[in-house]
Structures are given as C-alpha cells and as structure tokens.
Amino acid sequence: MSDDMPELTENDFARMITRAQRQRLLAGTWQSGDLVALRRFLGLTQEQFAIRIGISVDTLQNWEQDRWQPDSPALLRLLARHPRLILQDLAGVA
C-alpha cells in the first residue's frame, strides 16, 4: 500500500453512496435513504440541495421521508448519473 494515499475520514464514509443506491437512482426506482445518500454524497444540506434543484425544503423532506415521490424523477436520474451537475447553480439555469 502506498503511503501517498490518505486514509478515509468519517466525513468521507458519511458521504459514500453504494452501487445499489446509485443504480436505483439511475433507474428512478429509489428506496428509502437513496435520495438522502445522493444529497450527502454531494455534501449538501437539505436547503442547499432543494435550492439547487428548484424545490422547497418541505418537498425535499417529503421525498426523503418517503411521504411523496416526484411526479417525474428525470432530474434525480440525471443527478445520479452526473452528480457534479448539482454543484453548479441549476436553479439559475431554469
């Protein structure tokens, strides 16, 4: 093992997303916790994530807590495929 490779921190582990979660997000068939995992992977708070995709924090909380599902999961599927897109200001693009 190389000494050049830094050890993963607790923050790194908290931001990890599993292959199964990513595949479900790509398919638009996420399960409880998948959307939270995507948001944490990006290092965003609920407020930051909601603003960047143009929804209310209440709507995001309802999605994350499985009370509602988006009418069209296309945006979430796109973000699962290209998660760094959300780090740009998507709300300003719309």
PDB file of N, CA and C in Angstrom:
ATOM      1  N   MET A   1       0.845  -1.176   0.000  1.00  0.00           N
ATOM      2  CA  MET A   1       0.000   0.000   0.000  1.00  0.00           C
ATOM      3  C   MET A   1       0.886   1.233   0.000  1.00  0.00           C
ATOM      4  N   SER A   2       0.487   2.220  -0.744  1.00  0.00           N
ATOM      5  CA  SER A   2       1.259   3.444  -0.863  1.00  0.00           C
ATOM      6  C   SER A   2       0.988   4.359   0.319  1.00  0.00           C
ATOM      7  N   ASP A   3       2.050   5.008   0.785  1.00  0.00           N
ATOM      8  CA  ASP A   3       1.902   5.983   1.865  1.00  0.00           C
ATOM      9  C   ASP A   3       1.291   7.281   1.353  1.00  0.00           C
ATOM     10  N   ASP A   4       1.201   7.446   0.032  1.00  0.00           N
ATOM     11  CA  ASP A   4       0.657   8.665  -0.558  1.00  0.00           C
ATOM     12  C   ASP A   4      -0.872   8.728  -0.487  1.00  0.00           C
ATOM     13  N   MET A   5      -1.505   7.590  -0.258  1.00  0.00           N
ATOM     14  CA  MET A   5      -2.958   7.546  -0.256  1.00  0.00           C
ATOM     15  C   MET A   5      -3.481   7.914   1.135  1.00  0.00           C
ATOM     16  N   PRO A   6      -4.244   8.993   1.223  1.00  0.00           N
ATOM     17  CA  PRO A   6      -4.760   9.393   2.535  1.00  0.00           C
ATOM     18  C   PRO A   6      -5.834   8.436   3.029  1.00  0.00           C
ATOM     19  N   GLU A   7      -5.933   8.324   4.333  1.00  0.00           N
ATOM     20  CA  GLU A   7      -6.975   7.487   4.921  1.00  0.00           C
ATOM     21  C   GLU A   7      -8.318   8.180   4.774  1.00  0.00           C
ATOM     22  N   LEU A   8      -9.363   7.366   4.642  1.00  0.00           N
ATOM     23  CA  LEU A   8     -10.713   7.925   4.587  1.00  0.00           C
ATOM     24  C   LEU A   8     -11.111   8.417   5.971  1.00  0.00           C
ATOM     25  N   THR A   9     -11.772   9.538   5.991  1.00  0.00           N
ATOM     26  CA  THR A   9     -12.230  10.114   7.252  1.00  0.00           C
ATOM     27  C   THR A   9     -13.680   9.712   7.499  1.00  0.00           C
ATOM     28  N   GLU A  10     -14.185  10.023   8.693  1.00  0.00           N
ATOM     29  CA  GLU A  10     -15.589   9.756   8.990  1.00  0.00           C
ATOM     30  C   GLU A  10     -16.487  10.523   8.023  1.00  0.00           C
ATOM     31  N   ASN A  11     -16.075  11.728   7.659  1.00  0.00           N
ATOM     32  CA  ASN A  11     -16.832  12.525   6.701  1.00  0.00           C
ATOM     33  C   ASN A  11     -16.879  11.833   5.341  1.00  0.00           C
ATOM     34  N   ASP A  12     -15.759  11.247   4.918  1.00  0.00           N
ATOM     35  CA  ASP A  12     -15.725  10.505   3.651  1.00  0.00           C
ATOM     36  C   ASP A  12     -16.721   9.347   3.686  1.00  0.00           C
ATOM     37  N   PHE A  13     -16.717   8.597   4.797  1.00  0.00           N
ATOM     38  CA  PHE A  13     -17.638   7.464   4.907  1.00  0.00           C
ATOM     39  C   PHE A  13     -19.089   7.925   4.930  1.00  0.00           C
ATOM     40  N   ALA A  14     -19.357   9.055   5.585  1.00  0.00           N
ATOM     41  CA  ALA A  14     -20.724   9.578   5.649  1.00  0.00           C
ATOM     42  C   ALA A  14     -21.227   9.991   4.277  1.00  0.00           C
ATOM     43  N   ARG A  15     -20.320  10.356   3.379  1.00  0.00           N
ATOM     44  CA  ARG A  15     -20.710  10.819   2.050  1.00  0.00           C
ATOM     45  C   ARG A  15     -20.773   9.698   1.011  1.00  0.00           C
ATOM     46  N   MET A  16     -20.445   8.482   1.386  1.00  0.00           N
ATOM     47  CA  MET A  16     -20.431   7.392   0.413  1.00  0.00           C
ATOM     48  C   MET A  16     -21.837   7.013  -0.039  1.00  0.00           C
ATOM     49  N   ILE A  17     -21.901   6.577  -1.272  1.00  0.00           N
ATOM     50  CA  ILE A  17     -23.149   6.076  -1.845  1.00  0.00           C
ATOM     51  C   ILE A  17     -22.838   4.699  -2.432  1.00  0.00           C
ATOM     52  N   THR A  18     -23.704   3.739  -2.168  1.00  0.00           N
ATOM     53  CA  THR A  18     -23.433   2.382  -2.646  1.00  0.00           C
ATOM     54  C   THR A  18     -23.784   2.253  -4.120  1.00  0.00           C
ATOM     55  N   ARG A  19     -23.240   1.237  -4.734  1.00  0.00           N
ATOM     56  CA  ARG A  19     -23.552   0.959  -6.139  1.00  0.00           C
ATOM     57  C   ARG A  19     -25.043   0.671  -6.297  1.00  0.00           C
ATOM     58  N   ALA A  20     -25.616  -0.085  -5.357  1.00  0.00           N
ATOM     59  CA  ALA A  20     -27.043  -0.414  -5.435  1.00  0.00           C
ATOM     60  C   ALA A  20     -27.896   0.851  -5.346  1.00  0.00           C
ATOM     61  N   GLN A  21     -27.520   1.772  -4.454  1.00  0.00           N
ATOM     62  CA  GLN A  21     -28.270   3.026  -4.345  1.00  0.00           C
ATOM     63  C   GLN A  21     -28.172   3.813  -5.642  1.00  0.00           C
ATOM     64  N   ARG A  22     -26.978   3.916  -6.192  1.00  0.00           N
ATOM     65  CA  ARG A  22     -26.802   4.675  -7.435  1.00  0.00           C
ATOM     66  C   ARG A  22     -27.595   4.040  -8.574  1.00  0.00           C
ATOM     67  N   GLN A  23     -27.590   2.718  -8.658  1.00  0.00           N
ATOM     68  CA  GLN A  23     -28.332   2.041  -9.721  1.00  0.00           C
ATOM     69  C   GLN A  23     -29.836   2.270  -9.586  1.00  0.00           C
ATOM     70  N   ARG A  24     -30.336   2.261  -8.345  1.00  0.00           N
ATOM     71  CA  ARG A  24     -31.759   2.522  -8.153  1.00  0.00           C
ATOM     72  C   ARG A  24     -32.092   3.957  -8.530  1.00  0.00           C
ATOM     73  N   LEU A  25     -31.239   4.901  -8.159  1.00  0.00           N
ATOM     74  CA  LEU A  25     -31.460   6.298  -8.526  1.00  0.00           C
ATOM     75  C   LEU A  25     -31.436   6.474 -10.040  1.00  0.00           C
ATOM     76  N   LEU A  26     -30.496   5.805 -10.709  1.00  0.00           N
ATOM     77  CA  LEU A  26     -30.421   5.893 -12.165  1.00  0.00           C
ATOM     78  C   LEU A  26     -31.679   5.350 -12.827  1.00  0.00           C
ATOM     79  N   ALA A  27     -32.255   4.327 -12.220  1.00  0.00           N
ATOM     80  CA  ALA A  27     -33.458   3.706 -12.774  1.00  0.00           C
ATOM     81  C   ALA A  27     -34.731   4.452 -12.374  1.00  0.00           C
ATOM     82  N   GLY A  28     -34.605   5.394 -11.423  1.00  0.00           N
ATOM     83  CA  GLY A  28     -35.784   6.106 -10.948  1.00  0.00           C
ATOM     84  C   GLY A  28     -36.628   5.270 -10.008  1.00  0.00           C
ATOM     85  N   THR A  29     -36.033   4.252  -9.407  1.00  0.00           N
ATOM     86  CA  THR A  29     -36.749   3.347  -8.511  1.00  0.00           C
ATOM     87  C   THR A  29     -36.109   3.323  -7.133  1.00  0.00           C
ATOM     88  N   TRP A  30     -35.838   4.514  -6.594  1.00  0.00           N
ATOM     89  CA  TRP A  30     -35.098   4.551  -5.343  1.00  0.00           C
ATOM     90  C   TRP A  30     -35.917   4.025  -4.182  1.00  0.00           C
ATOM     91  N   GLN A  31     -35.185   3.647  -3.162  1.00  0.00           N
ATOM     92  CA  GLN A  31     -35.768   3.160  -1.920  1.00  0.00           C
ATOM     93  C   GLN A  31     -35.462   4.166  -0.820  1.00  0.00           C
ATOM     94  N   SER A  32     -36.023   3.920   0.334  1.00  0.00           N
ATOM     95  CA  SER A  32     -35.804   4.798   1.468  1.00  0.00           C
ATOM     96  C   SER A  32     -34.305   4.978   1.712  1.00  0.00           C
ATOM     97  N   GLY A  33     -33.885   6.217   1.821  1.00  0.00           N
ATOM     98  CA  GLY A  33     -32.486   6.522   2.100  1.00  0.00           C
ATOM     99  C   GLY A  33     -31.639   6.806   0.878  1.00  0.00           C
ATOM    100  N   ASP A  34     -32.085   6.438  -0.315  1.00  0.00           N
ATOM    101  CA  ASP A  34     -31.269   6.633  -1.511  1.00  0.00           C
ATOM    102  C   ASP A  34     -31.081   8.111  -1.843  1.00  0.00           C
ATOM    103  N   LEU A  35     -32.150   8.890  -1.766  1.00  0.00           N
ATOM    104  CA  LEU A  35     -32.052  10.307  -2.081  1.00  0.00           C
ATOM    105  C   LEU A  35     -31.202  11.035  -1.039  1.00  0.00           C
ATOM    106  N   VAL A  36     -31.341  10.644   0.217  1.00  0.00           N
ATOM    107  CA  VAL A  36     -30.502  11.218   1.279  1.00  0.00           C
ATOM    108  C   VAL A  36     -29.038  10.905   0.985  1.00  0.00           C
ATOM    109  N   ALA A  37     -28.755   9.673   0.566  1.00  0.00           N
ATOM    110  CA  ALA A  37     -27.381   9.280   0.250  1.00  0.00           C
ATOM    111  C   ALA A  37     -26.813  10.117  -0.885  1.00  0.00           C
ATOM    112  N   LEU A  38     -27.627  10.380  -1.911  1.00  0.00           N
ATOM    113  CA  LEU A  38     -27.175  11.201  -3.027  1.00  0.00           C
ATOM    114  C   LEU A  38     -26.858  12.620  -2.554  1.00  0.00           C
ATOM    115  N   ARG A  39     -27.743  13.185  -1.738  1.00  0.00           N
ATOM    116  CA  ARG A  39     -27.531  14.545  -1.233  1.00  0.00           C
ATOM    117  C   ARG A  39     -26.281  14.617  -0.373  1.00  0.00           C
ATOM    118  N   ARG A  40     -26.102  13.641   0.503  1.00  0.00           N
ATOM    119  CA  ARG A  40     -24.915  13.629   1.368  1.00  0.00           C
ATOM    120  C   ARG A  40     -23.643  13.399   0.562  1.00  0.00           C
ATOM    121  N   PHE A  41     -23.730  12.557  -0.475  1.00  0.00           N
ATOM    122  CA  PHE A  41     -22.582  12.326  -1.358  1.00  0.00           C
ATOM    123  C   PHE A  41     -22.087  13.639  -1.939  1.00  0.00           C
ATOM    124  N   LEU A  42     -23.036  14.507  -2.256  1.00  0.00           N
ATOM    125  CA  LEU A  42     -22.696  15.812  -2.821  1.00  0.00           C
ATOM    126  C   LEU A  42     -22.262  16.816  -1.761  1.00  0.00           C
ATOM    127  N   GLY A  43     -22.432  16.453  -0.492  1.00  0.00           N
ATOM    128  CA  GLY A  43     -22.014  17.331   0.590  1.00  0.00           C
ATOM    129  C   GLY A  43     -22.924  18.531   0.770  1.00  0.00           C
ATOM    130  N   LEU A  44     -24.211  18.354   0.442  1.00  0.00           N
ATOM    131  CA  LEU A  44     -25.159  19.459   0.515  1.00  0.00           C
ATOM    132  C   LEU A  44     -26.165  19.255   1.636  1.00  0.00           C
ATOM    133  N   THR A  45     -26.574  20.362   2.245  1.00  0.00           N
ATOM    134  CA  THR A  45     -27.663  20.317   3.207  1.00  0.00           C
ATOM    135  C   THR A  45     -28.971  20.182   2.442  1.00  0.00           C
ATOM    136  N   GLN A  46     -30.041  19.917   3.176  1.00  0.00           N
ATOM    137  CA  GLN A  46     -31.347  19.854   2.523  1.00  0.00           C
ATOM    138  C   GLN A  46     -31.667  21.183   1.848  1.00  0.00           C
ATOM    139  N   GLU A  47     -31.396  22.279   2.533  1.00  0.00           N
ATOM    140  CA  GLU A  47     -31.691  23.596   1.968  1.00  0.00           C
ATOM    141  C   GLU A  47     -30.886  23.847   0.691  1.00  0.00           C
ATOM    142  N   GLN A  48     -29.590  23.527   0.717  1.00  0.00           N
ATOM    143  CA  GLN A  48     -28.747  23.739  -0.466  1.00  0.00           C
ATOM    144  C   GLN A  48     -29.220  22.885  -1.633  1.00  0.00           C
ATOM    145  N   PHE A  49     -29.526  21.621  -1.373  1.00  0.00           N
ATOM    146  CA  PHE A  49     -29.973  20.713  -2.423  1.00  0.00           C
ATOM    147  C   PHE A  49     -31.289  21.199  -3.021  1.00  0.00           C
ATOM    148  N   ALA A  50     -32.236  21.548  -2.148  1.00  0.00           N
ATOM    149  CA  ALA A  50     -33.551  21.994  -2.612  1.00  0.00           C
ATOM    150  C   ALA A  50     -33.430  23.250  -3.472  1.00  0.00           C
ATOM    151  N   ILE A  51     -32.643  24.204  -3.030  1.00  0.00           N
ATOM    152  CA  ILE A  51     -32.462  25.439  -3.799  1.00  0.00           C
ATOM    153  C   ILE A  51     -31.874  25.130  -5.164  1.00  0.00           C
ATOM    154  N   ARG A  52     -30.894  24.259  -5.210  1.00  0.00           N
ATOM    155  CA  ARG A  52     -30.205  23.978  -6.465  1.00  0.00           C
ATOM    156  C   ARG A  52     -31.064  23.241  -7.476  1.00  0.00           C
ATOM    157  N   ILE A  53     -32.077  22.502  -7.009  1.00  0.00           N
ATOM    158  CA  ILE A  53     -32.950  21.836  -7.985  1.00  0.00           C
ATOM    159  C   ILE A  53     -34.307  22.525  -8.097  1.00  0.00           C
ATOM    160  N   GLY A  54     -34.470  23.653  -7.396  1.00  0.00           N
ATOM    161  CA  GLY A  54     -35.663  24.465  -7.571  1.00  0.00           C
ATOM    162  C   GLY A  54     -36.922  23.942  -6.911  1.00  0.00           C
ATOM    163  N   ILE A  55     -36.771  23.310  -5.741  1.00  0.00           N
ATOM    164  CA  ILE A  55     -37.936  22.842  -4.992  1.00  0.00           C
ATOM    165  C   ILE A  55     -37.856  23.403  -3.577  1.00  0.00           C
ATOM    166  N   SER A  56     -38.934  23.266  -2.831  1.00  0.00           N
ATOM    167  CA  SER A  56     -38.918  23.718  -1.445  1.00  0.00           C
ATOM    168  C   SER A  56     -38.240  22.662  -0.562  1.00  0.00           C
ATOM    169  N   VAL A  57     -37.759  23.114   0.576  1.00  0.00           N
ATOM    170  CA  VAL A  57     -37.167  22.187   1.539  1.00  0.00           C
ATOM    171  C   VAL A  57     -38.228  21.208   2.019  1.00  0.00           C
ATOM    172  N   ASP A  58     -39.464  21.675   2.176  1.00  0.00           N
ATOM    173  CA  ASP A  58     -40.555  20.788   2.596  1.00  0.00           C
ATOM    174  C   ASP A  58     -40.762  19.646   1.593  1.00  0.00           C
ATOM    175  N   THR A  59     -40.718  19.977   0.310  1.00  0.00           N
ATOM    176  CA  THR A  59     -40.871  18.944  -0.718  1.00  0.00           C
ATOM    177  C   THR A  59     -39.735  17.939  -0.632  1.00  0.00           C
ATOM    178  N   LEU A  60     -38.509  18.430  -0.497  1.00  0.00           N
ATOM    179  CA  LEU A  60     -37.366  17.524  -0.384  1.00  0.00           C
ATOM    180  C   LEU A  60     -37.508  16.632   0.841  1.00  0.00           C
ATOM    181  N   GLN A  61     -37.901  17.202   1.959  1.00  0.00           N
ATOM    182  CA  GLN A  61     -38.082  16.402   3.175  1.00  0.00           C
ATOM    183  C   GLN A  61     -39.139  15.331   2.972  1.00  0.00           C
ATOM    184  N   ASN A  62     -40.215  15.682   2.277  1.00  0.00           N
ATOM    185  CA  ASN A  62     -41.248  14.683   1.994  1.00  0.00           C
ATOM    186  C   ASN A  62     -40.719  13.570   1.097  1.00  0.00           C
ATOM    187  N   TRP A  63     -39.885  13.917   0.112  1.00  0.00           N
ATOM    188  CA  TRP A  63     -39.271  12.892  -0.735  1.00  0.00           C
ATOM    189  C   TRP A  63     -38.338  12.014   0.079  1.00  0.00           C
ATOM    190  N   GLU A  64     -37.494  12.647   0.888  1.00  0.00           N
ATOM    191  CA  GLU A  64     -36.507  11.882   1.663  1.00  0.00           C
ATOM    192  C   GLU A  64     -37.164  10.985   2.703  1.00  0.00           C
ATOM    193  N   GLN A  65     -38.331  11.378   3.186  1.00  0.00           N
ATOM    194  CA  GLN A  65     -39.022  10.594   4.214  1.00  0.00           C
ATOM    195  C   GLN A  65     -40.108   9.695   3.624  1.00  0.00           C
ATOM    196  N   ASP A  66     -40.078   9.552   2.292  1.00  0.00           N
ATOM    197  CA  ASP A  66     -40.985   8.648   1.571  1.00  0.00           C
ATOM    198  C   ASP A  66     -42.468   8.976   1.751  1.00  0.00           C
ATOM    199  N   ARG A  67     -42.778  10.235   2.027  1.00  0.00           N
ATOM    200  CA  ARG A  67     -44.185  10.633   2.095  1.00  0.00           C
ATOM    201  C   ARG A  67     -44.711  10.949   0.703  1.00  0.00           C
ATOM    202  N   TRP A  68     -43.841  11.446  -0.169  1.00  0.00           N
ATOM    203  CA  TRP A  68     -44.190  11.756  -1.552  1.00  0.00           C
ATOM    204  C   TRP A  68     -43.071  11.258  -2.445  1.00  0.00           C
ATOM    205  N   GLN A  69     -43.418  11.044  -3.699  1.00  0.00           N
ATOM    206  CA  GLN A  69     -42.400  10.759  -4.710  1.00  0.00           C
ATOM    207  C   GLN A  69     -42.565  11.784  -5.815  1.00  0.00           C
ATOM    208  N   PRO A  70     -41.464  12.172  -6.433  1.00  0.00           N
ATOM    209  CA  PRO A  70     -41.567  13.151  -7.522  1.00  0.00           C
ATOM    210  C   PRO A  70     -42.454  12.629  -8.643  1.00  0.00           C
ATOM    211  N   ASP A  71     -43.207  13.554  -9.272  1.00  0.00           N
ATOM    212  CA  ASP A  71     -44.038  13.170 -10.409  1.00  0.00           C
ATOM    213  C   ASP A  71     -43.174  12.659 -11.553  1.00  0.00           C
ATOM    214  N   SER A  72     -42.040  13.295 -11.746  1.00  0.00           N
ATOM    215  CA  SER A  72     -41.114  12.907 -12.799  1.00  0.00           C
ATOM    216  C   SER A  72     -39.707  12.842 -12.213  1.00  0.00           C
ATOM    217  N   PRO A  73     -39.175  11.641 -12.049  1.00  0.00           N
ATOM    218  CA  PRO A  73     -37.857  11.514 -11.438  1.00  0.00           C
ATOM    219  C   PRO A  73     -36.696  11.781 -12.396  1.00  0.00           C
ATOM    220  N   ALA A  74     -36.970  12.368 -13.563  1.00  0.00           N
ATOM    221  CA  ALA A  74     -35.926  12.556 -14.576  1.00  0.00           C
ATOM    222  C   ALA A  74     -34.756  13.375 -14.048  1.00  0.00           C
ATOM    223  N   LEU A  75     -35.024  14.457 -13.321  1.00  0.00           N
ATOM    224  CA  LEU A  75     -33.943  15.285 -12.800  1.00  0.00           C
ATOM    225  C   LEU A  75     -33.086  14.497 -11.818  1.00  0.00           C
ATOM    226  N   LEU A  76     -33.726  13.737 -10.953  1.00  0.00           N
ATOM    227  CA  LEU A  76     -32.973  12.951  -9.980  1.00  0.00           C
ATOM    228  C   LEU A  76     -32.159  11.859 -10.668  1.00  0.00           C
ATOM    229  N   ARG A  77     -32.701  11.299 -11.736  1.00  0.00           N
ATOM    230  CA  ARG A  77     -31.949  10.300 -12.505  1.00  0.00           C
ATOM    231  C   ARG A  77     -30.731  10.938 -13.157  1.00  0.00           C
ATOM    232  N   LEU A  78     -30.892  12.145 -13.685  1.00  0.00           N
ATOM    233  CA  LEU A  78     -29.773  12.868 -14.286  1.00  0.00           C
ATOM    234  C   LEU A  78     -28.703  13.166 -13.235  1.00  0.00           C
ATOM    235  N   LEU A  79     -29.125  13.592 -12.057  1.00  0.00           N
ATOM    236  CA  LEU A  79     -28.171  13.898 -10.990  1.00  0.00           C
ATOM    237  C   LEU A  79     -27.449  12.649 -10.494  1.00  0.00           C
ATOM    238  N   ALA A  80     -28.130  11.517 -10.501  1.00  0.00           N
ATOM    239  CA  ALA A  80     -27.473  10.269 -10.112  1.00  0.00           C
ATOM    240  C   ALA A  80     -26.409   9.881 -11.132  1.00  0.00           C
ATOM    241  N   ARG A  81     -26.678  10.159 -12.402  1.00  0.00           N
ATOM    242  CA  ARG A  81     -25.713   9.835 -13.460  1.00  0.00           C
ATOM    243  C   ARG A  81     -24.563  10.834 -13.475  1.00  0.00           C
ATOM    244  N   HIS A  82     -24.859  12.097 -13.228  1.00  0.00           N
ATOM    245  CA  HIS A  82     -23.843  13.166 -13.268  1.00  0.00           C
ATOM    246  C   HIS A  82     -23.976  14.027 -12.015  1.00  0.00           C
ATOM    247  N   PRO A  83     -23.622  13.495 -10.854  1.00  0.00           N
ATOM    248  CA  PRO A  83     -23.899  14.195  -9.598  1.00  0.00           C
ATOM    249  C   PRO A  83     -23.215  15.554  -9.460  1.00  0.00           C
ATOM    250  N   ARG A  84     -22.140  15.763 -10.140  1.00  0.00           N
ATOM    251  CA  ARG A  84     -21.452  17.048 -10.009  1.00  0.00           C
ATOM    252  C   ARG A  84     -22.210  18.196 -10.670  1.00  0.00           C
ATOM    253  N   LEU A  85     -23.208  17.870 -11.507  1.00  0.00           N
ATOM    254  CA  LEU A  85     -24.021  18.917 -12.130  1.00  0.00           C
ATOM    255  C   LEU A  85     -24.701  19.802 -11.091  1.00  0.00           C
ATOM    256  N   ILE A  86     -25.108  19.192  -9.995  1.00  0.00           N
ATOM    257  CA  ILE A  86     -25.834  19.957  -8.991  1.00  0.00           C
ATOM    258  C   ILE A  86     -24.929  20.955  -8.277  1.00  0.00           C
ATOM    259  N   LEU A  87     -23.640  20.742  -8.358  1.00  0.00           N
ATOM    260  CA  LEU A  87     -22.728  21.687  -7.728  1.00  0.00           C
ATOM    261  C   LEU A  87     -22.675  22.994  -8.491  1.00  0.00           C
ATOM    262  N   GLN A  88     -23.197  22.973  -9.718  1.00  0.00           N
ATOM    263  CA  GLN A  88     -23.389  24.201 -10.451  1.00  0.00           C
ATOM    264  C   GLN A  88     -24.749  24.749 -10.040  1.00  0.00           C
ATOM    265  N   ASP A  89     -25.041  25.957 -10.346  1.00  0.00           N
ATOM    266  CA  ASP A  89     -26.298  26.568  -9.934  1.00  0.00           C
ATOM    267  C   ASP A  89     -27.419  26.188 -10.885  1.00  0.00           C
ATOM    268  N   LEU A  90     -28.040  25.024 -10.648  1.00  0.00           N
ATOM    269  CA  LEU A  90     -29.125  24.559 -11.511  1.00  0.00           C
ATOM    270  C   LEU A  90     -30.360  25.443 -11.387  1.00  0.00           C
ATOM    271  N   ALA A  91     -30.587  26.007 -10.230  1.00  0.00           N
ATOM    272  CA  ALA A  91     -31.756  26.854 -10.047  1.00  0.00           C
ATOM    273  C   ALA A  91     -31.676  28.072 -10.962  1.00  0.00           C
ATOM    274  N   GLY A  92     -30.477  28.582 -11.221  1.00  0.00           N
ATOM    275  CA  GLY A  92     -30.306  29.746 -12.085  1.00  0.00           C
ATOM    276  C   GLY A  92     -30.421  29.412 -13.555  1.00  0.00           C
ATOM    277  N   VAL A  93     -30.336  28.127 -13.907  1.00  0.00           N
ATOM    278  CA  VAL A  93     -30.395  27.712 -15.308  1.00  0.00           C
ATOM    279  C   VAL A  93     -31.833  27.626 -15.784  1.00  0.00           C
ATOM    280  N   ALA A  94     -32.738  27.281 -14.892  1.00  0.00           N
ATOM    281  CA  ALA A  94     -34.153  27.048 -15.258  1.00  0.00           C
ATOM    282  C   ALA A  94     -34.851  28.306 -15.699  1.00  0.00           C
TER     283      ALA A  94
END
